[in-house]
C-alpha atoms as a PDB file:
ATOM      1  CA  MET A   1      54.759  39.232  19.095  1.00  0.00           C
ATOM      2  CA  ASN A   2      55.873  38.429  22.314  1.00  0.00           C
ATOM      3  CA  PRO A   3      55.782  35.504  24.061  1.00  0.00           C
ATOM      4  CA  ILE A   4      54.017  37.068  26.914  1.00  0.00           C
ATOM      5  CA  LEU A   5      51.042  37.162  24.483  1.00  0.00           C
ATOM      6  CA  ASN A   6      50.609  33.435  24.589  1.00  0.00           C
ATOM      7  CA  LYS A   7      49.215  33.093  28.180  1.00  0.00           C
ATOM      8  CA  ASN A   8      45.711  32.442  29.251  1.00  0.00           C
ATOM      9  CA  LEU A   9      44.823  34.771  32.428  1.00  0.00           C
ATOM     10  CA  PHE A  10      46.114  37.394  32.940  1.00  0.00           C
ATOM     11  CA  PHE A  11      45.806  40.602  36.578  1.00  0.00           C
ATOM     12  CA  VAL A  12      45.259  44.288  36.158  1.00  0.00           C
ATOM     13  CA  LYS A  13      45.836  46.525  38.321  1.00  0.00           C
ATOM     14  CA  GLU A  14      45.362  50.491  38.351  1.00  0.00           C
ATOM     15  CA  HIS A  15      47.868  52.507  39.993  1.00  0.00           C
ATOM     16  CA  VAL A  16      45.607  54.881  41.979  1.00  0.00           C
ATOM     17  CA  GLY A  17      46.275  58.020  43.142  1.00  0.00           C
ATOM     18  CA  MET A  18      44.968  61.672  44.026  1.00  0.00           C
ATOM     19  CA  PHE A  19      45.261  64.308  41.065  1.00  0.00           C
ATOM     20  CA  LYS A  20      47.076  62.009  38.421  1.00  0.00           C
ATOM     21  CA  ALA A  21      45.906  63.269  35.142  1.00  0.00           C
ATOM     22  CA  SER A  22      48.171  60.241  33.787  1.00  0.00           C
ATOM     23  CA  ASN A  23      46.438  56.122  33.741  1.00  0.00           C
ATOM     24  CA  SER A  24      48.667  53.774  34.957  1.00  0.00           C
ATOM     25  CA  PHE A  25      48.644  49.607  34.764  1.00  0.00           C
ATOM     26  CA  ASP A  26      50.861  47.069  36.044  1.00  0.00           C
ATOM     27  CA  ILE A  27      49.899  43.597  34.769  1.00  0.00           C
ATOM     28  CA  TYR A  28      50.764  40.452  36.693  1.00  0.00           C
ATOM     29  CA  ASP A  29      50.873  36.692  36.107  1.00  0.00           C
ATOM     30  CA  PRO A  30      48.211  35.460  38.613  1.00  0.00           C
ATOM     31  CA  GLU A  31      50.729  32.078  39.001  1.00  0.00           C
ATOM     32  CA  THR A  32      53.800  33.479  39.654  1.00  0.00           C
ATOM     33  CA  GLN A  33      52.270  37.584  41.063  1.00  0.00           C
ATOM     34  CA  GLN A  34      54.763  38.806  39.052  1.00  0.00           C
ATOM     35  CA  ILE A  35      54.335  41.927  37.105  1.00  0.00           C
ATOM     36  CA  ILE A  36      54.753  40.826  33.767  1.00  0.00           C
ATOM     37  CA  LEU A  37      53.946  43.939  31.374  1.00  0.00           C
ATOM     38  CA  ASN A  38      53.332  48.015  32.055  1.00  0.00           C
ATOM     39  CA  CYS A  39      51.031  49.856  30.531  1.00  0.00           C
ATOM     40  CA  ARG A  40      51.745  53.400  30.503  1.00  0.00           C
ATOM     41  CA  GLU A  41      50.462  57.181  29.100  1.00  0.00           C
ATOM     42  CA  GLU A  42      53.930  58.821  29.005  1.00  0.00           C
ATOM     43  CA  ASN A  43      52.827  61.913  26.406  1.00  0.00           C
ATOM     44  CA  LEU A  44      50.103  63.914  27.500  1.00  0.00           C
ATOM     45  CA  GLY A  45      49.774  67.317  26.613  1.00  0.00           C
ATOM     46  CA  PHE A  46      49.785  70.277  28.833  1.00  0.00           C
ATOM     47  CA  PHE A  47      45.443  70.302  27.591  1.00  0.00           C
ATOM     48  CA  THR A  48      45.005  66.968  28.062  1.00  0.00           C
ATOM     49  CA  LYS A  49      46.193  66.933  31.918  1.00  0.00           C
ATOM     50  CA  LEU A  50      43.716  70.006  32.000  1.00  0.00           C
ATOM     51  CA  PHE A  51      40.797  68.028  30.880  1.00  0.00           C
ATOM     52  CA  ARG A  52      41.546  64.985  32.510  1.00  0.00           C
ATOM     53  CA  PHE A  53      40.115  67.137  35.904  1.00  0.00           C
ATOM     54  CA  SER A  54      37.368  68.370  34.273  1.00  0.00           C
ATOM     55  CA  ASP A  55      33.422  66.852  32.976  1.00  0.00           C
ATOM     56  CA  TYR A  56      35.226  66.515  30.006  1.00  0.00           C
ATOM     57  CA  LYS A  57      38.083  63.910  30.797  1.00  0.00           C
ATOM     58  CA  ARG A  58      35.480  60.994  29.107  1.00  0.00           C
ATOM     59  CA  MET A  59      36.688  62.688  26.158  1.00  0.00           C
ATOM     60  CA  THR A  60      40.431  63.581  26.321  1.00  0.00           C
ATOM     61  CA  PRO A  61      42.579  61.583  23.734  1.00  0.00           C
ATOM     62  CA  PHE A  62      44.240  58.682  25.553  1.00  0.00           C
ATOM     63  CA  ASP A  63      48.200  56.949  23.982  1.00  0.00           C
ATOM     64  CA  ILE A  64      48.771  53.912  26.006  1.00  0.00           C
ATOM     65  CA  GLU A  65      51.842  51.523  25.248  1.00  0.00           C
ATOM     66  CA  ILE A  66      51.601  48.355  26.583  1.00  0.00           C
ATOM     67  CA  LYS A  67      56.014  47.274  27.641  1.00  0.00           C
ATOM     68  CA  THR A  68      57.223  44.526  29.422  1.00  0.00           C
ATOM     69  CA  PRO A  69      59.135  45.365  32.578  1.00  0.00           C
ATOM     70  CA  LEU A  70      62.780  45.743  29.998  1.00  0.00           C
ATOM     71  CA  GLY A  71      61.191  48.223  28.136  1.00  0.00           C
ATOM     72  CA  GLU A  72      60.535  46.114  25.342  1.00  0.00           C
ATOM     73  CA  LYS A  73      56.577  47.125  22.982  1.00  0.00           C
ATOM     74  CA  ILE A  74      53.694  45.271  23.363  1.00  0.00           C
ATOM     75  CA  VAL A  75      50.913  46.964  21.537  1.00  0.00           C
ATOM     76  CA  ARG A  76      49.819  51.059  21.687  1.00  0.00           C
ATOM     77  CA  VAL A  77      46.362  51.704  22.007  1.00  0.00           C
ATOM     78  CA  ARG A  78      45.281  55.061  20.925  1.00  0.00           C
ATOM     79  CA  ARG A  79      41.978  57.890  20.123  1.00  0.00           C
ATOM     80  CA  GLY A  80      41.951  61.589  19.088  1.00  0.00           C
ATOM     81  CA  VAL A  81      39.532  63.402  20.700  1.00  0.00           C
ATOM     82  CA  SER A  82      35.717  62.249  21.188  1.00  0.00           C
ATOM     83  CA  PHE A  83      32.945  63.565  21.484  1.00  0.00           C
ATOM     84  CA  PHE A  84      30.042  61.177  21.012  1.00  0.00           C
ATOM     85  CA  LEU A  85      31.346  57.268  20.360  1.00  0.00           C
ATOM     86  CA  SER A  86      34.636  55.851  20.636  1.00  0.00           C
ATOM     87  CA  THR A  87      36.779  54.679  17.950  1.00  0.00           C
ATOM     88  CA  VAL A  88      40.468  53.547  19.401  1.00  0.00           C
ATOM     89  CA  GLU A  89      43.422  52.077  16.904  1.00  0.00           C
ATOM     90  CA  VAL A  90      45.302  49.975  18.440  1.00  0.00           C
ATOM     91  CA  LEU A  91      49.289  49.400  16.988  1.00  0.00           C
ATOM     92  CA  ASP A  92      51.644  46.171  17.132  1.00  0.00           C
ATOM     93  CA  GLU A  93      55.061  46.685  18.554  1.00  0.00           C
ATOM     94  CA  LYS A  94      56.735  48.216  15.159  1.00  0.00           C
ATOM     95  CA  ASP A  95      54.083  51.102  15.894  1.00  0.00           C
ATOM     96  CA  GLN A  96      51.821  48.871  12.306  1.00  0.00           C
ATOM     97  CA  VAL A  97      47.532  49.322  12.859  1.00  0.00           C
ATOM     98  CA  ILE A  98      46.289  45.490  13.847  1.00  0.00           C
ATOM     99  CA  GLY A  99      42.995  46.292  14.263  1.00  0.00           C
ATOM    100  CA  MET A 100      40.209  49.112  15.974  1.00  0.00           C
ATOM    101  CA  PHE A 101      37.751  49.482  18.242  1.00  0.00           C
ATOM    102  CA  LYS A 102      34.200  51.210  17.469  1.00  0.00           C
ATOM    103  CA  GLN A 103      31.687  52.195  20.360  1.00  0.00           C
ATOM    104  CA  LYS A 104      28.246  50.563  19.295  1.00  0.00           C
ATOM    105  CA  PHE A 105      24.961  53.620  19.504  1.00  0.00           C
ATOM    106  CA  PHE A 106      22.834  53.485  23.047  1.00  0.00           C
ATOM    107  CA  SER A 107      24.519  49.544  24.424  1.00  0.00           C
ATOM    108  CA  ILE A 108      23.115  49.768  27.487  1.00  0.00           C
ATOM    109  CA  GLY A 109      26.256  48.453  29.993  1.00  0.00           C
ATOM    110  CA  GLY A 110      28.777  49.723  27.255  1.00  0.00           C
ATOM    111  CA  LYS A 111      30.045  47.512  23.616  1.00  0.00           C
ATOM    112  CA  PHE A 112      32.293  47.755  20.656  1.00  0.00           C
ATOM    113  CA  GLU A 113      33.205  46.424  17.706  1.00  0.00           C
ATOM    114  CA  VAL A 114      36.918  44.424  17.480  1.00  0.00           C
ATOM    115  CA  LEU A 115      38.084  44.897  13.766  1.00  0.00           C
ATOM    116  CA  ASP A 116      41.167  43.998  12.218  1.00  0.00           C
ATOM    117  CA  ALA A 117      43.365  46.369  10.354  1.00  0.00           C
ATOM    118  CA  SER A 118      40.957  45.915   7.200  1.00  0.00           C
ATOM    119  CA  GLU A 119      37.836  47.024   9.527  1.00  0.00           C
ATOM    120  CA  ARG A 120      36.050  43.240   9.314  1.00  0.00           C
ATOM    121  CA  PRO A 121      34.719  42.296  12.775  1.00  0.00           C
ATOM    122  CA  LEU A 122      36.302  39.902  14.588  1.00  0.00           C
ATOM    123  CA  CYS A 123      34.700  40.002  17.492  1.00  0.00           C
ATOM    124  CA  MET A 124      31.786  41.918  19.798  1.00  0.00           C
ATOM    125  CA  LEU A 125      33.174  43.187  23.708  1.00  0.00           C
ATOM    126  CA  LYS A 126      30.278  43.247  26.137  1.00  0.00           C
ATOM    127  CA  GLY A 127      29.700  44.498  28.823  1.00  0.00           C
ATOM    128  CA  LYS A 128      26.042  44.180  31.496  1.00  0.00           C
ATOM    129  CA  TRP A 129      25.991  47.966  33.072  1.00  0.00           C
ATOM    130  CA  THR A 130      25.201  46.160  36.441  1.00  0.00           C
ATOM    131  CA  SER A 131      28.473  44.826  37.232  1.00  0.00           C
ATOM    132  CA  TRP A 132      32.086  45.026  36.175  1.00  0.00           C
ATOM    133  CA  ASP A 133      31.470  41.539  33.774  1.00  0.00           C
ATOM    134  CA  PHE A 134      32.450  42.387  30.564  1.00  0.00           C
ATOM    135  CA  LYS A 135      32.596  39.310  27.664  1.00  0.00           C
ATOM    136  CA  PHE A 136      34.594  39.140  23.206  1.00  0.00           C
ATOM    137  CA  ILE A 137      31.682  36.929  21.795  1.00  0.00           C
ATOM    138  CA  SER A 138      32.100  36.242  18.302  1.00  0.00           C
ATOM    139  CA  ALA A 139      29.287  35.895  16.019  1.00  0.00           C
ATOM    140  CA  ASP A 140      28.844  32.353  15.903  1.00  0.00           C
ATOM    141  CA  ASN A 141      28.520  33.249  20.044  1.00  0.00           C
ATOM    142  CA  LYS A 142      31.969  31.661  21.106  1.00  0.00           C
ATOM    143  CA  GLU A 143      33.150  33.268  24.411  1.00  0.00           C
ATOM    144  CA  PHE A 144      36.633  34.380  23.674  1.00  0.00           C
ATOM    145  CA  ALA A 145      37.837  35.985  26.490  1.00  0.00           C
ATOM    146  CA  SER A 146      36.636  37.940  30.001  1.00  0.00           C
ATOM    147  CA  VAL A 147      37.584  39.972  31.803  1.00  0.00           C
ATOM    148  CA  THR A 148      36.211  40.250  35.115  1.00  0.00           C
ATOM    149  CA  LYS A 149      36.001  41.702  38.760  1.00  0.00           C
ATOM    150  CA  LYS A 150      35.748  38.036  40.573  1.00  0.00           C
ATOM    151  CA  TRP A 151      38.055  34.918  40.478  1.00  0.00           C
ATOM    152  CA  SER A 152      38.730  32.716  42.962  1.00  0.00           C
ATOM    153  CA  GLY A 153      41.632  32.119  42.063  1.00  0.00           C
ATOM    154  CA  LEU A 154      43.491  34.636  43.733  1.00  0.00           C
ATOM    155  CA  GLY A 155      43.736  36.007  47.543  1.00  0.00           C
ATOM    156  CA  LYS A 156      42.033  38.630  48.894  1.00  0.00           C
ATOM    157  CA  GLU A 157      45.020  40.845  49.110  1.00  0.00           C
ATOM    158  CA  LEU A 158      45.139  41.764  45.358  1.00  0.00           C
ATOM    159  CA  PHE A 159      42.278  43.111  45.292  1.00  0.00           C
ATOM    160  CA  THR A 160      42.187  45.778  47.314  1.00  0.00           C
ATOM    161  CA  SER A 161      40.747  48.558  44.864  1.00  0.00           C
ATOM    162  CA  ALA A 162      37.662  49.341  42.749  1.00  0.00           C
ATOM    163  CA  ASP A 163      40.437  49.159  39.682  1.00  0.00           C
ATOM    164  CA  ASN A 164      41.981  45.975  39.768  1.00  0.00           C
ATOM    165  CA  TYR A 165      39.965  42.927  37.735  1.00  0.00           C
ATOM    166  CA  ILE A 166      41.465  38.975  36.051  1.00  0.00           C
ATOM    167  CA  LEU A 167      41.363  38.958  31.658  1.00  0.00           C
ATOM    168  CA  GLN A 168      40.539  34.735  30.890  1.00  0.00           C
ATOM    169  CA  ILE A 169      41.653  34.703  27.474  1.00  0.00           C
ATOM    170  CA  SER A 170      39.970  31.228  25.641  1.00  0.00           C
ATOM    171  CA  PRO A 171      42.679  28.312  24.854  1.00  0.00           C
ATOM    172  CA  GLU A 172      40.596  28.577  21.597  1.00  0.00           C
ATOM    173  CA  VAL A 173      42.186  31.756  20.643  1.00  0.00           C
ATOM    174  CA  PRO A 174      45.494  30.178  18.836  1.00  0.00           C
ATOM    175  CA  GLN A 175      49.182  31.267  20.614  1.00  0.00           C
ATOM    176  CA  ASP A 176      50.638  33.892  18.188  1.00  0.00           C
ATOM    177  CA  HIS A 177      47.162  35.352  16.972  1.00  0.00           C
ATOM    178  CA  PRO A 178      46.703  39.505  16.765  1.00  0.00           C
ATOM    179  CA  LEU A 179      43.296  38.794  18.488  1.00  0.00           C
ATOM    180  CA  ARG A 180      45.138  37.951  21.671  1.00  0.00           C
ATOM    181  CA  GLN A 181      46.930  41.707  20.980  1.00  0.00           C
ATOM    182  CA  LEU A 182      44.056  42.964  20.731  1.00  0.00           C
ATOM    183  CA  ILE A 183      41.735  41.625  23.872  1.00  0.00           C
ATOM    184  CA  LEU A 184      44.696  42.822  25.974  1.00  0.00           C
ATOM    185  CA  ALA A 185      44.422  46.902  23.815  1.00  0.00           C
ATOM    186  CA  ALA A 186      40.938  46.400  25.085  1.00  0.00           C
ATOM    187  CA  VAL A 187      40.808  46.305  27.940  1.00  0.00           C
ATOM    188  CA  MET A 188      41.938  49.099  28.977  1.00  0.00           C
ATOM    189  CA  CYS A 189      39.751  50.482  26.274  1.00  0.00           C
ATOM    190  CA  ILE A 190      37.335  49.082  28.803  1.00  0.00           C
ATOM    191  CA  ASP A 191      38.408  51.588  31.613  1.00  0.00           C
ATOM    192  CA  PHE A 192      39.918  54.384  29.836  1.00  0.00           C
ATOM    193  CA  VAL A 193      36.272  54.899  27.609  1.00  0.00           C
ATOM    194  CA  LEU A 194      33.112  52.554  29.163  1.00  0.00           C
ATOM    195  CA  LYS A 195      34.178  53.078  32.958  1.00  0.00           C
ATOM    196  CA  GLU A 196      35.381  56.571  33.193  1.00  0.00           C
END
């Protein structure tokens, strides 16, 4: 596992553009304000691009690779066509499935079950429908990580659009633990599945 994943704080900034079918994000180290990861959707098919500009955007498949600026793959997030509830696969740098997310039925604000490769529950990603606040909560109510648009440690100049947010992973999540890859991957799911 890449040592970048052992950081506890990430600033995620979406590339905003008119008439763009694919999604792109840069992930910064908030302390140095340097880009440490790129998230790109590079292999979009013609029909997927077409449907991204329609009311069916939420149903379209996605396949995002998160890489270092030098091109080293960290994690891959993919989903097929989704008609109702999403199931998203997460793969490691060798394209081995390390876990998945299953969207929960009738959840206000959005809720995903975070599962390991054997589909055992690790934690739940829960959101509030009134704001852009999400938390990764274990079965015994420990908070593993949070995603928010508000964080007092960054200058306001970085918060110029509604597409920027902070991922904060608890130090309780051990270094080099696969849950770190799943948490980072889940941030993409929030944007693609719950907030589109």
